[in-house]
């Protein structure tokens, strides 16, 4: 099992920045891909960004150029730096890991609210 603890959400004004963190513990040796998803009210959960390594990342079109995902393998932590935030970025953000055995684990979610 992998446990995930997220932090860094909050309220920010349009154009502001936030940095989300997600620390993994437990069976960390099995972690393959780490990523962030988000879910806005009334919408489906969607992929925001994912990282296998620093040279292998994937972003939703809506966040390209504004968000950066990074991973510290020593600290077993994944980060999401969010810049130039927009009201449409408002959502609950969930950390996710996929293991080499095909399992998926989720964090508890952290609220990000962008006010205009």
C-alpha atoms as a PDB file:
ATOM      1  CA  UNK A   1       0.000   0.000   0.000  1.00  0.00           C
ATOM      2  CA  UNK A   2       1.018   3.583  -0.650  1.00  0.00           C
ATOM      3  CA  UNK A   3      -0.190   6.441   1.524  1.00  0.00           C
ATOM      4  CA  UNK A   4      -0.303   9.978   0.146  1.00  0.00           C
ATOM      5  CA  UNK A   5      -0.518  13.224   2.088  1.00  0.00           C
ATOM      6  CA  UNK A   6      -1.158  16.430   0.176  1.00  0.00           C
ATOM      7  CA  UNK A   7      -0.585  20.006   1.241  1.00  0.00           C
ATOM      8  CA  UNK A   8      -0.417  23.479  -0.234  1.00  0.00           C
ATOM      9  CA  UNK A   9      -3.939  24.230  -1.382  1.00  0.00           C
ATOM     10  CA  UNK A  10      -5.750  27.424  -0.526  1.00  0.00           C
ATOM     11  CA  UNK A  11      -7.314  30.618  -1.764  1.00  0.00           C
ATOM     12  CA  UNK A  12      -5.455  32.772  -4.270  1.00  0.00           C
ATOM     13  CA  UNK A  13      -6.321  35.653  -6.546  1.00  0.00           C
ATOM     14  CA  UNK A  14      -6.335  35.466 -10.315  1.00  0.00           C
ATOM     15  CA  UNK A  15      -2.798  35.493 -11.640  1.00  0.00           C
ATOM     16  CA  UNK A  16      -1.358  34.210  -8.394  1.00  0.00           C
ATOM     17  CA  UNK A  17       0.648  31.090  -7.653  1.00  0.00           C
ATOM     18  CA  UNK A  18       0.399  28.052  -5.422  1.00  0.00           C
ATOM     19  CA  UNK A  19       2.597  25.031  -4.899  1.00  0.00           C
ATOM     20  CA  UNK A  20       1.066  21.697  -4.047  1.00  0.00           C
ATOM     21  CA  UNK A  21       3.052  18.923  -2.390  1.00  0.00           C
ATOM     22  CA  UNK A  22       2.295  15.244  -2.042  1.00  0.00           C
ATOM     23  CA  UNK A  23       4.419  13.023   0.180  1.00  0.00           C
ATOM     24  CA  UNK A  24       4.287   9.281  -0.335  1.00  0.00           C
ATOM     25  CA  UNK A  25       4.952   6.617   2.259  1.00  0.00           C
ATOM     26  CA  UNK A  26       4.525   2.876   2.558  1.00  0.00           C
ATOM     27  CA  UNK A  27       5.413   0.733  -0.435  1.00  0.00           C
ATOM     28  CA  UNK A  28       7.264   3.539  -2.185  1.00  0.00           C
ATOM     29  CA  UNK A  29       9.543   1.106  -4.009  1.00  0.00           C
ATOM     30  CA  UNK A  30       6.556   0.160  -6.155  1.00  0.00           C
ATOM     31  CA  UNK A  31       5.751   3.685  -7.339  1.00  0.00           C
ATOM     32  CA  UNK A  32       6.016   4.211 -11.067  1.00  0.00           C
ATOM     33  CA  UNK A  33       4.141   7.333 -12.175  1.00  0.00           C
ATOM     34  CA  UNK A  34       3.095  10.187  -9.893  1.00  0.00           C
ATOM     35  CA  UNK A  35       0.578  12.789 -10.877  1.00  0.00           C
ATOM     36  CA  UNK A  36      -2.088  15.311 -10.053  1.00  0.00           C
ATOM     37  CA  UNK A  37      -5.752  15.230 -10.972  1.00  0.00           C
ATOM     38  CA  UNK A  38      -8.456  17.762 -10.243  1.00  0.00           C
ATOM     39  CA  UNK A  39     -12.212  17.751  -9.945  1.00  0.00           C
ATOM     40  CA  UNK A  40     -14.359  20.848 -10.160  1.00  0.00           C
ATOM     41  CA  UNK A  41     -17.968  20.872  -8.928  1.00  0.00           C
ATOM     42  CA  UNK A  42     -20.227  19.073 -11.358  1.00  0.00           C
ATOM     43  CA  UNK A  43     -17.337  17.893 -13.513  1.00  0.00           C
ATOM     44  CA  UNK A  44     -15.407  14.690 -13.928  1.00  0.00           C
ATOM     45  CA  UNK A  45     -11.984  14.225 -12.418  1.00  0.00           C
ATOM     46  CA  UNK A  46      -9.323  15.077 -14.974  1.00  0.00           C
ATOM     47  CA  UNK A  47      -5.595  14.636 -15.292  1.00  0.00           C
ATOM     48  CA  UNK A  48      -3.616  17.812 -14.695  1.00  0.00           C
ATOM     49  CA  UNK A  49      -0.041  16.548 -14.914  1.00  0.00           C
ATOM     50  CA  UNK A  50       1.943  13.361 -14.489  1.00  0.00           C
ATOM     51  CA  UNK A  51       5.616  12.536 -14.140  1.00  0.00           C
ATOM     52  CA  UNK A  52       7.644   9.400 -14.587  1.00  0.00           C
ATOM     53  CA  UNK A  53      10.980  11.175 -14.548  1.00  0.00           C
ATOM     54  CA  UNK A  54      12.184  14.760 -15.104  1.00  0.00           C
ATOM     55  CA  UNK A  55      12.397  14.016 -18.806  1.00  0.00           C
ATOM     56  CA  UNK A  56       9.029  12.304 -18.988  1.00  0.00           C
ATOM     57  CA  UNK A  57       6.105  14.511 -18.071  1.00  0.00           C
ATOM     58  CA  UNK A  58       2.590  14.982 -19.358  1.00  0.00           C
ATOM     59  CA  UNK A  59       0.294  17.995 -18.993  1.00  0.00           C
ATOM     60  CA  UNK A  60      -3.301  18.800 -19.751  1.00  0.00           C
ATOM     61  CA  UNK A  61      -3.514  21.347 -22.557  1.00  0.00           C
ATOM     62  CA  UNK A  62      -5.295  23.774 -20.243  1.00  0.00           C
ATOM     63  CA  UNK A  63      -2.287  24.047 -17.902  1.00  0.00           C
ATOM     64  CA  UNK A  64       0.659  23.817 -20.292  1.00  0.00           C
ATOM     65  CA  UNK A  65       3.031  26.719 -19.805  1.00  0.00           C
ATOM     66  CA  UNK A  66       1.509  27.621 -16.420  1.00  0.00           C
ATOM     67  CA  UNK A  67       1.936  24.495 -14.268  1.00  0.00           C
ATOM     68  CA  UNK A  68       5.096  22.505 -13.624  1.00  0.00           C
ATOM     69  CA  UNK A  69       5.242  19.048 -12.090  1.00  0.00           C
ATOM     70  CA  UNK A  70       8.388  17.806 -10.415  1.00  0.00           C
ATOM     71  CA  UNK A  71       9.425  14.851  -8.323  1.00  0.00           C
ATOM     72  CA  UNK A  72      11.929  14.394  -5.523  1.00  0.00           C
ATOM     73  CA  UNK A  73      12.724  10.702  -5.349  1.00  0.00           C
ATOM     74  CA  UNK A  74      14.766  11.103  -2.182  1.00  0.00           C
ATOM     75  CA  UNK A  75      11.839  12.670  -0.342  1.00  0.00           C
ATOM     76  CA  UNK A  76       9.259  10.555  -2.210  1.00  0.00           C
ATOM     77  CA  UNK A  77       7.373  13.737  -2.937  1.00  0.00           C
ATOM     78  CA  UNK A  78       5.724  15.148  -6.019  1.00  0.00           C
ATOM     79  CA  UNK A  79       5.101  18.857  -6.467  1.00  0.00           C
ATOM     80  CA  UNK A  80       2.819  20.911  -8.649  1.00  0.00           C
ATOM     81  CA  UNK A  81       3.863  24.518  -9.139  1.00  0.00           C
ATOM     82  CA  UNK A  82       0.872  26.467 -10.383  1.00  0.00           C
ATOM     83  CA  UNK A  83       1.407  29.932 -11.831  1.00  0.00           C
ATOM     84  CA  UNK A  84      -0.883  32.413 -13.568  1.00  0.00           C
ATOM     85  CA  UNK A  85      -3.884  30.816 -11.925  1.00  0.00           C
ATOM     86  CA  UNK A  86      -7.316  31.309 -13.440  1.00  0.00           C
ATOM     87  CA  UNK A  87     -10.817  30.941 -11.955  1.00  0.00           C
ATOM     88  CA  UNK A  88     -11.267  27.790 -14.027  1.00  0.00           C
ATOM     89  CA  UNK A  89      -8.401  26.192 -12.108  1.00  0.00           C
ATOM     90  CA  UNK A  90     -10.638  26.119  -9.031  1.00  0.00           C
ATOM     91  CA  UNK A  91     -11.081  22.498  -8.007  1.00  0.00           C
ATOM     92  CA  UNK A  92     -10.121  19.850  -5.528  1.00  0.00           C
ATOM     93  CA  UNK A  93      -6.677  18.596  -6.504  1.00  0.00           C
ATOM     94  CA  UNK A  94      -5.810  14.964  -5.895  1.00  0.00           C
ATOM     95  CA  UNK A  95      -2.407  13.365  -5.831  1.00  0.00           C
ATOM     96  CA  UNK A  96      -2.200  10.006  -7.580  1.00  0.00           C
ATOM     97  CA  UNK A  97       0.408   7.304  -7.921  1.00  0.00           C
ATOM     98  CA  UNK A  98       0.448   4.324 -10.207  1.00  0.00           C
ATOM     99  CA  UNK A  99       2.553   1.387  -9.115  1.00  0.00           C
ATOM    100  CA  UNK A 100       4.518  -1.003 -11.250  1.00  0.00           C
ATOM    101  CA  UNK A 101       1.971  -3.642 -10.279  1.00  0.00           C
ATOM    102  CA  UNK A 102      -0.926  -1.740 -11.829  1.00  0.00           C
ATOM    103  CA  UNK A 103      -2.424  -0.345  -8.618  1.00  0.00           C
ATOM    104  CA  UNK A 104      -3.584   3.243  -8.208  1.00  0.00           C
ATOM    105  CA  UNK A 105      -3.572   5.210  -4.984  1.00  0.00           C
ATOM    106  CA  UNK A 106      -5.153   8.581  -4.214  1.00  0.00           C
ATOM    107  CA  UNK A 107      -4.564  11.323  -1.735  1.00  0.00           C
ATOM    108  CA  UNK A 108      -7.373  12.892   0.248  1.00  0.00           C
ATOM    109  CA  UNK A 109      -7.529  15.974  -1.948  1.00  0.00           C
ATOM    110  CA  UNK A 110      -6.736  19.625  -1.354  1.00  0.00           C
ATOM    111  CA  UNK A 111      -8.945  22.549  -2.316  1.00  0.00           C
ATOM    112  CA  UNK A 112      -7.624  25.223  -4.654  1.00  0.00           C
ATOM    113  CA  UNK A 113      -9.806  28.286  -5.086  1.00  0.00           C
ATOM    114  CA  UNK A 114      -8.925  31.079  -7.490  1.00  0.00           C
ATOM    115  CA  UNK A 115     -10.908  34.241  -6.892  1.00  0.00           C
ATOM    116  CA  UNK A 116     -11.486  37.052  -9.313  1.00  0.00           C
END
